[in-house]
Amino acid sequence: MLKKLLSIFKKKTYPCIVWDGKCMKYLDLTKKQIEEFRTLPKYKNYSVTINENPSK
């Protein structure tokens, strides 16, 4: 019961690789965060790759 209740509040995240031209980071991002990396001018040099087939 507690797991079901907690799952309502948990945001779905996606395993991603974020590259800023110097350093690669492996993050779990929400759809909103991914869109921010792709659209906001302050992240213009960043690229985000979503792992479509996570090994989990």
N, C-alpha and C. Protein backbone atom coordinates (compact mmCIF):
# COMPACT_ATOMS: atom_id res chain seq x y z
N MET A 1 0.83 -1.19 0.00
CA MET A 1 0.00 0.00 0.00
C MET A 1 0.87 1.25 0.00
N LEU A 2 1.91 1.26 0.84
CA LEU A 2 2.80 2.40 0.93
C LEU A 2 3.54 2.62 -0.39
N LYS A 3 3.96 1.53 -1.06
CA LYS A 3 4.65 1.64 -2.35
C LYS A 3 3.75 2.27 -3.40
N LYS A 4 2.49 1.90 -3.42
CA LYS A 4 1.55 2.47 -4.38
C LYS A 4 1.36 3.96 -4.12
N LEU A 5 1.27 4.33 -2.88
CA LEU A 5 1.10 5.73 -2.52
C LEU A 5 2.34 6.54 -2.92
N LEU A 6 3.51 6.01 -2.64
CA LEU A 6 4.74 6.71 -3.00
C LEU A 6 4.93 6.80 -4.51
N SER A 7 4.47 5.80 -5.25
CA SER A 7 4.63 5.83 -6.70
C SER A 7 3.80 6.94 -7.36
N ILE A 8 2.76 7.38 -6.70
CA ILE A 8 1.95 8.49 -7.22
C ILE A 8 2.77 9.77 -7.25
N PHE A 9 3.62 9.97 -6.26
CA PHE A 9 4.38 11.20 -6.13
C PHE A 9 5.75 11.14 -6.80
N LYS A 10 6.18 9.97 -7.22
CA LYS A 10 7.48 9.81 -7.84
C LYS A 10 7.42 10.24 -9.31
N LYS A 11 8.35 11.08 -9.72
CA LYS A 11 8.41 11.51 -11.11
C LYS A 11 9.17 10.47 -11.93
N LYS A 12 8.69 10.23 -13.14
CA LYS A 12 9.37 9.29 -14.01
C LYS A 12 10.64 9.93 -14.54
N THR A 13 11.74 9.21 -14.44
CA THR A 13 13.01 9.71 -14.95
C THR A 13 13.54 8.77 -16.02
N TYR A 14 14.45 9.29 -16.83
CA TYR A 14 15.04 8.53 -17.93
C TYR A 14 16.55 8.59 -17.81
N PRO A 15 17.23 7.45 -17.96
CA PRO A 15 18.69 7.48 -17.91
C PRO A 15 19.23 8.23 -19.13
N CYS A 16 20.11 9.19 -18.91
CA CYS A 16 20.61 10.05 -19.98
C CYS A 16 22.11 10.25 -19.85
N ILE A 17 22.72 10.62 -20.97
CA ILE A 17 24.09 11.09 -21.00
C ILE A 17 24.02 12.56 -21.37
N VAL A 18 24.63 13.41 -20.54
CA VAL A 18 24.67 14.84 -20.81
C VAL A 18 26.12 15.20 -21.12
N TRP A 19 26.33 15.82 -22.26
CA TRP A 19 27.67 16.19 -22.72
C TRP A 19 27.73 17.70 -22.87
N ASP A 20 28.72 18.33 -22.21
CA ASP A 20 28.85 19.78 -22.29
C ASP A 20 30.04 20.21 -23.13
N GLY A 21 30.65 19.27 -23.84
CA GLY A 21 31.81 19.56 -24.66
C GLY A 21 33.12 19.25 -23.96
N LYS A 22 33.09 19.10 -22.65
CA LYS A 22 34.29 18.80 -21.87
C LYS A 22 34.11 17.56 -21.01
N CYS A 23 32.92 17.41 -20.47
CA CYS A 23 32.67 16.36 -19.49
C CYS A 23 31.34 15.67 -19.80
N MET A 24 31.34 14.36 -19.64
CA MET A 24 30.13 13.57 -19.86
C MET A 24 29.58 13.16 -18.50
N LYS A 25 28.29 13.35 -18.30
CA LYS A 25 27.65 12.97 -17.04
C LYS A 25 26.52 12.00 -17.33
N TYR A 26 26.36 11.03 -16.47
CA TYR A 26 25.29 10.06 -16.58
C TYR A 26 24.25 10.41 -15.52
N LEU A 27 23.10 10.87 -15.97
CA LEU A 27 22.06 11.34 -15.06
C LEU A 27 20.73 10.67 -15.34
N ASP A 28 19.86 10.73 -14.37
CA ASP A 28 18.46 10.35 -14.55
C ASP A 28 17.66 11.64 -14.51
N LEU A 29 17.08 12.00 -15.66
CA LEU A 29 16.38 13.27 -15.79
C LEU A 29 14.91 13.06 -16.09
N THR A 30 14.10 14.02 -15.67
CA THR A 30 12.68 14.01 -16.03
C THR A 30 12.53 14.59 -17.44
N LYS A 31 11.38 14.40 -18.04
CA LYS A 31 11.12 14.96 -19.38
C LYS A 31 11.30 16.48 -19.38
N LYS A 32 10.86 17.13 -18.32
CA LYS A 32 10.99 18.59 -18.23
C LYS A 32 12.46 19.01 -18.23
N GLN A 33 13.29 18.32 -17.47
CA GLN A 33 14.71 18.64 -17.41
C GLN A 33 15.38 18.40 -18.77
N ILE A 34 14.99 17.34 -19.44
CA ILE A 34 15.55 17.04 -20.77
C ILE A 34 15.20 18.16 -21.74
N GLU A 35 13.96 18.60 -21.72
CA GLU A 35 13.54 19.68 -22.61
C GLU A 35 14.27 20.98 -22.29
N GLU A 36 14.55 21.24 -21.02
CA GLU A 36 15.31 22.43 -20.66
C GLU A 36 16.70 22.39 -21.27
N PHE A 37 17.38 21.25 -21.20
CA PHE A 37 18.70 21.12 -21.80
C PHE A 37 18.63 21.33 -23.31
N ARG A 38 17.56 20.91 -23.92
CA ARG A 38 17.45 21.01 -25.38
C ARG A 38 17.00 22.39 -25.86
N THR A 39 16.35 23.19 -25.03
CA THR A 39 15.77 24.44 -25.52
C THR A 39 16.32 25.73 -24.90
N LEU A 40 16.77 25.70 -23.67
CA LEU A 40 17.22 26.94 -23.02
C LEU A 40 18.57 27.39 -23.59
N PRO A 41 18.69 28.69 -23.85
CA PRO A 41 19.93 29.23 -24.43
C PRO A 41 21.18 28.98 -23.57
N LYS A 42 21.02 28.94 -22.24
CA LYS A 42 22.21 28.73 -21.40
C LYS A 42 22.80 27.33 -21.56
N TYR A 43 22.03 26.40 -22.15
CA TYR A 43 22.50 25.04 -22.39
C TYR A 43 22.74 24.78 -23.88
N LYS A 44 23.01 25.84 -24.66
CA LYS A 44 23.11 25.69 -26.11
C LYS A 44 24.24 24.75 -26.54
N ASN A 45 25.30 24.61 -25.74
CA ASN A 45 26.42 23.73 -26.09
C ASN A 45 26.28 22.33 -25.50
N TYR A 46 25.20 22.09 -24.82
CA TYR A 46 24.97 20.77 -24.20
C TYR A 46 24.22 19.86 -25.16
N SER A 47 24.47 18.58 -25.05
CA SER A 47 23.65 17.61 -25.78
C SER A 47 23.19 16.54 -24.78
N VAL A 48 21.99 16.05 -25.00
CA VAL A 48 21.40 15.04 -24.11
C VAL A 48 21.02 13.84 -24.97
N THR A 49 21.47 12.67 -24.56
CA THR A 49 21.12 11.43 -25.23
C THR A 49 20.39 10.55 -24.24
N ILE A 50 19.19 10.15 -24.60
CA ILE A 50 18.37 9.29 -23.73
C ILE A 50 18.68 7.84 -24.05
N ASN A 51 18.88 7.04 -23.02
CA ASN A 51 19.09 5.61 -23.19
C ASN A 51 17.71 4.98 -23.37
N GLU A 52 17.39 4.62 -24.59
CA GLU A 52 16.06 4.07 -24.89
C GLU A 52 15.87 2.64 -24.38
N ASN A 53 16.97 1.91 -24.17
CA ASN A 53 16.90 0.52 -23.72
C ASN A 53 17.73 0.34 -22.46
N PRO A 54 17.26 0.87 -21.32
CA PRO A 54 18.03 0.71 -20.10
C PRO A 54 18.15 -0.76 -19.71
N SER A 55 19.26 -1.11 -19.10
CA SER A 55 19.52 -2.50 -18.75
C SER A 55 18.89 -2.91 -17.43
N LYS A 56 18.03 -2.08 -16.87
CA LYS A 56 17.39 -2.39 -15.59
C LYS A 56 16.33 -3.44 -15.77
